[in-house]
PDB file of N, CA and C in Angstrom:
ATOM      1  N   UNK A   1     105.183  91.610  99.264  1.00  0.00           N
ATOM      2  CA  UNK A   1     104.593  92.420  99.895  1.00  0.00           C
ATOM      3  C   UNK A   1     105.472  93.891 100.143  1.00  0.00           C
ATOM      4  N   UNK A   2     104.597  95.343 100.713  1.00  0.00           N
ATOM      5  CA  UNK A   2     105.445  96.401 100.532  1.00  0.00           C
ATOM      6  C   UNK A   2     105.912  96.286 102.337  1.00  0.00           C
ATOM      7  N   UNK A   3     105.625  97.672 102.760  1.00  0.00           N
ATOM      8  CA  UNK A   3     106.001  98.207 104.318  1.00  0.00           C
ATOM      9  C   UNK A   3     104.265  97.975 104.936  1.00  0.00           C
ATOM     10  N   UNK A   4     103.650  97.801 104.265  1.00  0.00           N
ATOM     11  CA  UNK A   4     102.048  97.505 105.081  1.00  0.00           C
ATOM     12  C   UNK A   4     101.680  96.419 104.715  1.00  0.00           C
ATOM     13  N   UNK A   5     101.411  95.627 105.787  1.00  0.00           N
ATOM     14  CA  UNK A   5     100.262  94.183 105.414  1.00  0.00           C
ATOM     15  C   UNK A   5      98.773  94.275 105.155  1.00  0.00           C
ATOM     16  N   UNK A   6      98.262  93.936 104.414  1.00  0.00           N
ATOM     17  CA  UNK A   6      96.770  93.997 104.229  1.00  0.00           C
ATOM     18  C   UNK A   6      96.161  93.060 104.334  1.00  0.00           C
ATOM     19  N   UNK A   7      94.208  93.023 104.500  1.00  0.00           N
ATOM     20  CA  UNK A   7      93.810  91.730 104.693  1.00  0.00           C
ATOM     21  C   UNK A   7      94.137  90.427 103.903  1.00  0.00           C
ATOM     22  N   UNK A   8      94.258  91.143 102.676  1.00  0.00           N
ATOM     23  CA  UNK A   8      94.492  89.986 101.357  1.00  0.00           C
ATOM     24  C   UNK A   8      96.264  89.456 101.392  1.00  0.00           C
ATOM     25  N   UNK A   9      97.070  90.440 102.381  1.00  0.00           N
ATOM     26  CA  UNK A   9      98.248  89.814 102.399  1.00  0.00           C
ATOM     27  C   UNK A   9      98.289  88.962 103.432  1.00  0.00           C
ATOM     28  N   UNK A  10      97.593  89.045 104.995  1.00  0.00           N
ATOM     29  CA  UNK A  10      97.310  88.179 106.126  1.00  0.00           C
ATOM     30  C   UNK A  10      96.912  86.758 105.366  1.00  0.00           C
ATOM     31  N   UNK A  11      95.292  87.113 104.618  1.00  0.00           N
ATOM     32  CA  UNK A  11      94.869  85.846 104.046  1.00  0.00           C
ATOM     33  C   UNK A  11      95.864  84.998 103.084  1.00  0.00           C
ATOM     34  N   UNK A  12      96.750  85.309 102.419  1.00  0.00           N
ATOM     35  CA  UNK A  12      97.615  85.411 101.637  1.00  0.00           C
ATOM     36  C   UNK A  12      98.778  84.358 102.586  1.00  0.00           C
ATOM     37  N   UNK A  13      99.113  84.716 103.339  1.00  0.00           N
ATOM     38  CA  UNK A  13      99.780  84.206 104.375  1.00  0.00           C
ATOM     39  C   UNK A  13      99.570  83.216 105.159  1.00  0.00           C
ATOM     40  N   UNK A  14      98.098  83.227 105.583  1.00  0.00           N
ATOM     41  CA  UNK A  14      97.155  81.786 105.914  1.00  0.00           C
ATOM     42  C   UNK A  14      97.718  81.214 105.401  1.00  0.00           C
ATOM     43  N   UNK A  15      96.998  80.714 104.110  1.00  0.00           N
ATOM     44  CA  UNK A  15      96.999  80.125 103.207  1.00  0.00           C
ATOM     45  C   UNK A  15      98.395  79.204 102.880  1.00  0.00           C
ATOM     46  N   UNK A  16      99.440  79.888 102.844  1.00  0.00           N
ATOM     47  CA  UNK A  16     100.600  79.858 102.678  1.00  0.00           C
ATOM     48  C   UNK A  16     101.186  78.980 103.610  1.00  0.00           C
ATOM     49  N   UNK A  17     101.284  79.177 105.286  1.00  0.00           N
ATOM     50  CA  UNK A  17     101.756  78.889 106.095  1.00  0.00           C
ATOM     51  C   UNK A  17     101.187  77.800 106.628  1.00  0.00           C
ATOM     52  N   UNK A  18      99.801  77.755 106.777  1.00  0.00           N
ATOM     53  CA  UNK A  18      98.737  76.778 106.953  1.00  0.00           C
ATOM     54  C   UNK A  18      98.139  75.864 106.346  1.00  0.00           C
ATOM     55  N   UNK A  19      98.285  76.107 105.029  1.00  0.00           N
ATOM     56  CA  UNK A  19      97.984  75.556 104.132  1.00  0.00           C
ATOM     57  C   UNK A  19      96.050  75.356 103.702  1.00  0.00           C
ATOM     58  N   UNK A  20      95.873  76.783 104.598  1.00  0.00           N
ATOM     59  CA  UNK A  20      94.008  76.885 104.456  1.00  0.00           C
ATOM     60  C   UNK A  20      93.746  77.112 103.124  1.00  0.00           C
ATOM     61  N   UNK A  21      92.502  77.001 102.270  1.00  0.00           N
ATOM     62  CA  UNK A  21      92.400  77.636 101.077  1.00  0.00           C
ATOM     63  C   UNK A  21      91.773  78.754 101.235  1.00  0.00           C
ATOM     64  N   UNK A  22      91.367  79.586 100.148  1.00  0.00           N
ATOM     65  CA  UNK A  22      91.689  80.941 100.064  1.00  0.00           C
ATOM     66  C   UNK A  22      90.038  81.546 101.143  1.00  0.00           C
ATOM     67  N   UNK A  23      89.060  80.387 101.059  1.00  0.00           N
ATOM     68  CA  UNK A  23      87.849  80.487 101.441  1.00  0.00           C
ATOM     69  C   UNK A  23      87.860  80.589 102.922  1.00  0.00           C
ATOM     70  N   UNK A  24      88.751  79.578 103.586  1.00  0.00           N
ATOM     71  CA  UNK A  24      88.996  79.081 105.278  1.00  0.00           C
ATOM     72  C   UNK A  24      90.168  80.242 105.728  1.00  0.00           C
ATOM     73  N   UNK A  25      91.075  80.454 104.409  1.00  0.00           N
ATOM     74  CA  UNK A  25      91.719  81.390 105.474  1.00  0.00           C
ATOM     75  C   UNK A  25      91.007  83.196 105.770  1.00  0.00           C
ATOM     76  N   UNK A  26      89.696  83.081 104.622  1.00  0.00           N
ATOM     77  CA  UNK A  26      89.514  84.736 104.656  1.00  0.00           C
ATOM     78  C   UNK A  26      88.127  84.079 105.891  1.00  0.00           C
ATOM     79  N   UNK A  27      87.352  83.577 105.849  1.00  0.00           N
ATOM     80  CA  UNK A  27      86.461  83.464 106.997  1.00  0.00           C
ATOM     81  C   UNK A  27      87.140  83.323 108.167  1.00  0.00           C
ATOM     82  N   UNK A  28      88.358  82.860 108.487  1.00  0.00           N
ATOM     83  CA  UNK A  28      88.927  82.553 109.625  1.00  0.00           C
ATOM     84  C   UNK A  28      89.476  83.868 110.058  1.00  0.00           C
ATOM     85  N   UNK A  29      90.224  84.472 109.584  1.00  0.00           N
ATOM     86  CA  UNK A  29      90.424  86.188 109.635  1.00  0.00           C
ATOM     87  C   UNK A  29      89.198  87.122 109.789  1.00  0.00           C
ATOM     88  N   UNK A  30      88.220  86.928 108.982  1.00  0.00           N
ATOM     89  CA  UNK A  30      87.268  88.071 109.329  1.00  0.00           C
ATOM     90  C   UNK A  30      86.232  87.496 110.601  1.00  0.00           C
ATOM     91  N   UNK A  31      86.280  86.313 111.046  1.00  0.00           N
ATOM     92  CA  UNK A  31      85.912  85.727 112.311  1.00  0.00           C
ATOM     93  C   UNK A  31      86.671  86.517 113.502  1.00  0.00           C
ATOM     94  N   UNK A  32      88.011  86.400 113.528  1.00  0.00           N
ATOM     95  CA  UNK A  32      89.005  86.884 114.106  1.00  0.00           C
ATOM     96  C   UNK A  32      88.600  88.255 114.278  1.00  0.00           C
ATOM     97  N   UNK A  33      88.616  88.929 113.494  1.00  0.00           N
ATOM     98  CA  UNK A  33      88.671  90.688 112.983  1.00  0.00           C
ATOM     99  C   UNK A  33      87.129  90.926 113.676  1.00  0.00           C
ATOM    100  N   UNK A  34      86.158  90.061 113.294  1.00  0.00           N
ATOM    101  CA  UNK A  34      85.091  90.388 114.462  1.00  0.00           C
ATOM    102  C   UNK A  34      84.612  90.510 115.646  1.00  0.00           C
ATOM    103  N   UNK A  35      85.330  88.870 115.706  1.00  0.00           N
ATOM    104  CA  UNK A  35      85.349  89.579 117.316  1.00  0.00           C
ATOM    105  C   UNK A  35      85.943  90.240 118.249  1.00  0.00           C
ATOM    106  N   UNK A  36      86.979  90.612 117.733  1.00  0.00           N
ATOM    107  CA  UNK A  36      88.095  91.880 118.633  1.00  0.00           C
ATOM    108  C   UNK A  36      87.073  93.054 118.368  1.00  0.00           C
ATOM    109  N   UNK A  37      86.347  93.528 117.168  1.00  0.00           N
ATOM    110  CA  UNK A  37      85.897  94.498 117.362  1.00  0.00           C
ATOM    111  C   UNK A  37      84.613  94.603 118.287  1.00  0.00           C
ATOM    112  N   UNK A  38      83.807  93.446 118.321  1.00  0.00           N
ATOM    113  CA  UNK A  38      82.852  93.176 118.893  1.00  0.00           C
ATOM    114  C   UNK A  38      83.006  93.084 120.431  1.00  0.00           C
ATOM    115  N   UNK A  39      84.091  92.374 121.077  1.00  0.00           N
ATOM    116  CA  UNK A  39      84.401  92.435 121.922  1.00  0.00           C
ATOM    117  C   UNK A  39      84.930  93.948 122.723  1.00  0.00           C
ATOM    118  N   UNK A  40      86.171  94.690 121.667  1.00  0.00           N
ATOM    119  CA  UNK A  40      86.149  95.587 122.547  1.00  0.00           C
ATOM    120  C   UNK A  40      84.861  96.630 122.290  1.00  0.00           C
ATOM    121  N   UNK A  41      83.894  96.796 121.428  1.00  0.00           N
ATOM    122  CA  UNK A  41      82.849  97.698 121.286  1.00  0.00           C
ATOM    123  C   UNK A  41      81.937  97.739 122.836  1.00  0.00           C
ATOM    124  N   UNK A  42      81.738  96.780 123.260  1.00  0.00           N
ATOM    125  CA  UNK A  42      81.146  96.247 124.258  1.00  0.00           C
ATOM    126  C   UNK A  42      82.067  96.773 125.479  1.00  0.00           C
ATOM    127  N   UNK A  43      83.311  97.433 125.556  1.00  0.00           N
ATOM    128  CA  UNK A  43      84.052  97.971 126.292  1.00  0.00           C
ATOM    129  C   UNK A  43      85.252  96.680 127.411  1.00  0.00           C
ATOM    130  N   UNK A  44      84.807  95.660 126.675  1.00  0.00           N
ATOM    131  CA  UNK A  44      85.984  94.627 127.367  1.00  0.00           C
ATOM    132  C   UNK A  44      87.405  94.594 126.686  1.00  0.00           C
ATOM    133  N   UNK A  45      87.978  94.288 127.615  1.00  0.00           N
ATOM    134  CA  UNK A  45      89.519  94.108 126.910  1.00  0.00           C
ATOM    135  C   UNK A  45      89.945  92.311 126.409  1.00  0.00           C
ATOM    136  N   UNK A  46      90.834  92.406 125.562  1.00  0.00           N
ATOM    137  CA  UNK A  46      90.682  91.376 125.034  1.00  0.00           C
ATOM    138  C   UNK A  46      92.652  90.914 125.253  1.00  0.00           C
ATOM    139  N   UNK A  47      93.032  89.751 125.820  1.00  0.00           N
ATOM    140  CA  UNK A  47      94.433  89.588 126.521  1.00  0.00           C
ATOM    141  C   UNK A  47      94.681  88.393 125.290  1.00  0.00           C
ATOM    142  N   UNK A  48      95.988  88.383 124.597  1.00  0.00           N
ATOM    143  CA  UNK A  48      96.298  87.574 123.686  1.00  0.00           C
ATOM    144  C   UNK A  48      97.570  87.180 124.091  1.00  0.00           C
ATOM    145  N   UNK A  49      97.861  85.855 125.165  1.00  0.00           N
ATOM    146  CA  UNK A  49      99.085  85.679 125.655  1.00  0.00           C
ATOM    147  C   UNK A  49     100.332  85.898 124.490  1.00  0.00           C
ATOM    148  N   UNK A  50     101.165  85.978 125.209  1.00  0.00           N
ATOM    149  CA  UNK A  50     102.494  86.813 123.957  1.00  0.00           C
ATOM    150  C   UNK A  50     102.597  87.416 122.561  1.00  0.00           C
ATOM    151  N   UNK A  51     101.234  87.973 123.130  1.00  0.00           N
ATOM    152  CA  UNK A  51     101.459  89.202 122.075  1.00  0.00           C
ATOM    153  C   UNK A  51     100.786  90.415 122.653  1.00  0.00           C
ATOM    154  N   UNK A  52      99.958  90.628 123.098  1.00  0.00           N
ATOM    155  CA  UNK A  52      99.657  91.533 124.314  1.00  0.00           C
ATOM    156  C   UNK A  52      97.941  92.161 124.431  1.00  0.00           C
ATOM    157  N   UNK A  53      97.259  92.914 125.115  1.00  0.00           N
ATOM    158  CA  UNK A  53      96.319  93.255 125.819  1.00  0.00           C
ATOM    159  C   UNK A  53      95.646  94.831 124.600  1.00  0.00           C
ATOM    160  N   UNK A  54      94.554  94.231 124.518  1.00  0.00           N
ATOM    161  CA  UNK A  54      94.254  95.375 123.281  1.00  0.00           C
ATOM    162  C   UNK A  54      92.797  96.086 124.807  1.00  0.00           C
ATOM    163  N   UNK A  55      92.740  97.210 124.626  1.00  0.00           N
ATOM    164  CA  UNK A  55      91.822  97.749 126.030  1.00  0.00           C
ATOM    165  C   UNK A  55      91.316  99.116 125.138  1.00  0.00           C
ATOM    166  N   UNK A  56      90.150  99.197 125.724  1.00  0.00           N
ATOM    167  CA  UNK A  56      89.352 100.503 125.070  1.00  0.00           C
ATOM    168  C   UNK A  56      89.542 101.755 126.197  1.00  0.00           C
ATOM    169  N   UNK A  57      90.356 102.747 126.165  1.00  0.00           N
ATOM    170  CA  UNK A  57      90.329 104.016 126.947  1.00  0.00           C
ATOM    171  C   UNK A  57      89.506 105.209 126.486  1.00  0.00           C
ATOM    172  N   UNK A  58      89.235 105.786 127.388  1.00  0.00           N
ATOM    173  CA  UNK A  58      88.031 107.185 127.119  1.00  0.00           C
ATOM    174  C   UNK A  58      88.651 108.160 127.638  1.00  0.00           C
ATOM    175  N   UNK A  59      88.924 108.624 125.952  1.00  0.00           N
ATOM    176  CA  UNK A  59      89.632 110.629 125.932  1.00  0.00           C
ATOM    177  C   UNK A  59      88.780 111.624 126.396  1.00  0.00           C
ATOM    178  N   UNK A  60      88.954 112.397 127.417  1.00  0.00           N
ATOM    179  CA  UNK A  60      88.314 113.826 127.268  1.00  0.00           C
ATOM    180  C   UNK A  60      88.157 114.345 126.217  1.00  0.00           C
ATOM    181  N   UNK A  61      86.984 115.245 126.626  1.00  0.00           N
ATOM    182  CA  UNK A  61      87.316 116.774 125.380  1.00  0.00           C
ATOM    183  C   UNK A  61      88.200 117.742 125.930  1.00  0.00           C
ATOM    184  N   UNK A  62      88.961 118.289 124.915  1.00  0.00           N
ATOM    185  CA  UNK A  62      90.082 119.100 125.137  1.00  0.00           C
ATOM    186  C   UNK A  62      90.026 119.963 124.226  1.00  0.00           C
ATOM    187  N   UNK A  63      90.894 121.325 124.558  1.00  0.00           N
ATOM    188  CA  UNK A  63      90.983 122.056 123.511  1.00  0.00           C
ATOM    189  C   UNK A  63      92.094 122.235 122.553  1.00  0.00           C
ATOM    190  N   UNK A  64      92.196 122.065 121.515  1.00  0.00           N
ATOM    191  CA  UNK A  64      92.812 121.974 120.379  1.00  0.00           C
ATOM    192  C   UNK A  64      92.892 122.855 119.259  1.00  0.00           C
ATOM    193  N   UNK A  65      93.816 122.726 118.547  1.00  0.00           N
ATOM    194  CA  UNK A  65      94.202 123.896 117.598  1.00  0.00           C
ATOM    195  C   UNK A  65      94.300 123.328 116.127  1.00  0.00           C
ATOM    196  N   UNK A  66      93.494 123.745 114.892  1.00  0.00           N
ATOM    197  CA  UNK A  66      93.838 123.752 113.554  1.00  0.00           C
ATOM    198  C   UNK A  66      95.222 124.052 113.217  1.00  0.00           C
ATOM    199  N   UNK A  67      96.065 122.825 112.931  1.00  0.00           N
ATOM    200  CA  UNK A  67      97.372 123.597 112.770  1.00  0.00           C
ATOM    201  C   UNK A  67      97.415 124.119 111.087  1.00  0.00           C
ATOM    202  N   UNK A  68      96.490 123.946 110.294  1.00  0.00           N
ATOM    203  CA  UNK A  68      96.799 124.841 109.268  1.00  0.00           C
ATOM    204  C   UNK A  68      95.996 126.553 109.220  1.00  0.00           C
ATOM    205  N   UNK A  69      95.354 126.527 110.106  1.00  0.00           N
ATOM    206  CA  UNK A  69      94.939 127.891 110.299  1.00  0.00           C
ATOM    207  C   UNK A  69      94.771 128.706 111.485  1.00  0.00           C
ATOM    208  N   UNK A  70      95.018 127.677 112.524  1.00  0.00           N
ATOM    209  CA  UNK A  70      95.745 128.246 113.879  1.00  0.00           C
ATOM    210  C   UNK A  70      94.423 128.215 115.184  1.00  0.00           C
ATOM    211  N   UNK A  71      93.114 128.384 114.068  1.00  0.00           N
ATOM    212  CA  UNK A  71      91.260 128.531 114.906  1.00  0.00           C
ATOM    213  C   UNK A  71      92.208 127.089 116.373  1.00  0.00           C
ATOM    214  N   UNK A  72      91.137 127.966 117.222  1.00  0.00           N
ATOM    215  CA  UNK A  72      90.979 127.006 118.276  1.00  0.00           C
ATOM    216  C   UNK A  72      89.692 126.080 118.287  1.00  0.00           C
ATOM    217  N   UNK A  73      89.848 124.672 118.456  1.00  0.00           N
ATOM    218  CA  UNK A  73      88.490 123.659 118.319  1.00  0.00           C
ATOM    219  C   UNK A  73      88.777 123.237 119.616  1.00  0.00           C
ATOM    220  N   UNK A  74      87.252 122.426 119.508  1.00  0.00           N
ATOM    221  CA  UNK A  74      87.235 121.843 120.658  1.00  0.00           C
ATOM    222  C   UNK A  74      87.327 120.614 120.341  1.00  0.00           C
ATOM    223  N   UNK A  75      88.285 119.662 120.477  1.00  0.00           N
ATOM    224  CA  UNK A  75      88.447 117.768 120.621  1.00  0.00           C
ATOM    225  C   UNK A  75      86.999 117.289 120.926  1.00  0.00           C
ATOM    226  N   UNK A  76      86.523 116.467 120.463  1.00  0.00           N
ATOM    227  CA  UNK A  76      85.130 115.625 121.001  1.00  0.00           C
ATOM    228  C   UNK A  76      85.878 114.819 122.083  1.00  0.00           C
ATOM    229  N   UNK A  77      85.614 114.180 123.059  1.00  0.00           N
ATOM    230  CA  UNK A  77      85.451 112.883 123.708  1.00  0.00           C
ATOM    231  C   UNK A  77      85.302 112.012 122.885  1.00  0.00           C
ATOM    232  N   UNK A  78      85.612 110.633 123.247  1.00  0.00           N
ATOM    233  CA  UNK A  78      86.008 109.687 122.131  1.00  0.00           C
ATOM    234  C   UNK A  78      86.635 108.504 122.834  1.00  0.00           C
ATOM    235  N   UNK A  79      86.239 107.296 122.422  1.00  0.00           N
ATOM    236  CA  UNK A  79      87.184 106.275 123.111  1.00  0.00           C
ATOM    237  C   UNK A  79      88.085 105.663 121.981  1.00  0.00           C
ATOM    238  N   UNK A  80      89.034 105.395 122.448  1.00  0.00           N
ATOM    239  CA  UNK A  80      90.118 104.833 121.653  1.00  0.00           C
ATOM    240  C   UNK A  80      90.523 103.420 122.193  1.00  0.00           C
ATOM    241  N   UNK A  81      91.058 102.559 120.972  1.00  0.00           N
ATOM    242  CA  UNK A  81      91.714 101.859 121.456  1.00  0.00           C
ATOM    243  C   UNK A  81      93.468 101.435 121.603  1.00  0.00           C
ATOM    244  N   UNK A  82      93.949 100.729 122.688  1.00  0.00           N
ATOM    245  CA  UNK A  82      95.151 100.674 122.578  1.00  0.00           C
ATOM    246  C   UNK A  82      95.883  99.647 122.853  1.00  0.00           C
ATOM    247  N   UNK A  83      96.869  98.950 122.489  1.00  0.00           N
ATOM    248  CA  UNK A  83      97.590  97.745 122.883  1.00  0.00           C
ATOM    249  C   UNK A  83      98.833  97.763 123.812  1.00  0.00           C
ATOM    250  N   UNK A  84      98.579  97.280 124.520  1.00  0.00           N
ATOM    251  CA  UNK A  84      99.665  97.181 125.819  1.00  0.00           C
ATOM    252  C   UNK A  84     100.856  95.447 124.701  1.00  0.00           C
ATOM    253  N   UNK A  85     101.799  95.494 124.137  1.00  0.00           N
ATOM    254  CA  UNK A  85     102.301  94.985 124.088  1.00  0.00           C
ATOM    255  C   UNK A  85     102.777  93.781 125.212  1.00  0.00           C
ATOM    256  N   UNK A  86     102.735  92.373 124.988  1.00  0.00           N
ATOM    257  CA  UNK A  86     103.836  91.586 126.162  1.00  0.00           C
ATOM    258  C   UNK A  86     105.209  91.461 125.687  1.00  0.00           C
ATOM    259  N   UNK A  87     105.464  91.053 127.185  1.00  0.00           N
ATOM    260  CA  UNK A  87     107.304  91.222 127.587  1.00  0.00           C
ATOM    261  C   UNK A  87     107.824  90.384 125.914  1.00  0.00           C
ATOM    262  N   UNK A  88     107.257  89.251 126.024  1.00  0.00           N
ATOM    263  CA  UNK A  88     107.705  88.541 124.243  1.00  0.00           C
ATOM    264  C   UNK A  88     107.582  89.696 123.311  1.00  0.00           C
ATOM    265  N   UNK A  89     106.569  90.153 123.193  1.00  0.00           N
ATOM    266  CA  UNK A  89     106.512  90.996 121.867  1.00  0.00           C
ATOM    267  C   UNK A  89     107.388  92.270 122.106  1.00  0.00           C
ATOM    268  N   UNK A  90     107.511  92.738 123.146  1.00  0.00           N
ATOM    269  CA  UNK A  90     108.586  93.553 122.929  1.00  0.00           C
ATOM    270  C   UNK A  90     109.900  93.333 122.487  1.00  0.00           C
ATOM    271  N   UNK A  91     110.041  92.354 123.417  1.00  0.00           N
ATOM    272  CA  UNK A  91     111.605  91.578 122.991  1.00  0.00           C
ATOM    273  C   UNK A  91     111.830  91.475 121.698  1.00  0.00           C
ATOM    274  N   UNK A  92     110.673  90.511 121.306  1.00  0.00           N
ATOM    275  CA  UNK A  92     110.961  90.268 119.499  1.00  0.00           C
ATOM    276  C   UNK A  92     111.223  91.454 118.918  1.00  0.00           C
ATOM    277  N   UNK A  93     110.482  92.449 119.314  1.00  0.00           N
ATOM    278  CA  UNK A  93     110.754  93.822 118.530  1.00  0.00           C
ATOM    279  C   UNK A  93     111.969  94.386 118.304  1.00  0.00           C
ATOM    280  N   UNK A  94     112.821  93.912 119.617  1.00  0.00           N
ATOM    281  CA  UNK A  94     114.197  94.785 120.294  1.00  0.00           C
ATOM    282  C   UNK A  94     114.792  94.162 119.226  1.00  0.00           C
ATOM    283  N   UNK A  95     114.681  92.497 119.402  1.00  0.00           N
ATOM    284  CA  UNK A  95     116.152  91.718 119.026  1.00  0.00           C
ATOM    285  C   UNK A  95     115.813  91.790 117.436  1.00  0.00           C
ATOM    286  N   UNK A  96     115.116  92.474 116.485  1.00  0.00           N
ATOM    287  CA  UNK A  96     114.657  92.951 115.219  1.00  0.00           C
ATOM    288  C   UNK A  96     115.161  94.208 114.873  1.00  0.00           C
ATOM    289  N   UNK A  97     115.679  94.734 116.009  1.00  0.00           N
ATOM    290  CA  UNK A  97     116.000  96.527 115.513  1.00  0.00           C
ATOM    291  C   UNK A  97     117.023  96.479 115.602  1.00  0.00           C
ATOM    292  N   UNK A  98     117.349  97.229 114.037  1.00  0.00           N
ATOM    293  CA  UNK A  98     119.149  97.111 113.635  1.00  0.00           C
ATOM    294  C   UNK A  98     119.079  98.984 113.782  1.00  0.00           C
ATOM    295  N   UNK A  99     120.369  99.318 113.913  1.00  0.00           N
ATOM    296  CA  UNK A  99     120.604 100.550 114.142  1.00  0.00           C
ATOM    297  C   UNK A  99     121.419 100.966 113.366  1.00  0.00           C
TER     298      UNK A  99
END
């Protein structure tokens, strides 16, 4: 695996670490992802203990600038997904940080 892990990599990890067959691992991952997307689409948050909280935030429209041409443009309002990591998640990230 490279720097990024994709769906196929996650499915392979589920098969390897939990001894699932590929069909079961695929179904499990797809069900989890669909549930997360559907819940966030409804405007609800998802709190996963020891991982973090996914939530939807509304960003208002604002003026912006096209970096290529310098032309001013209106950035439309939209909803974005945020992840607030749990303290345990932050601790694990910090402990693996190598300077």
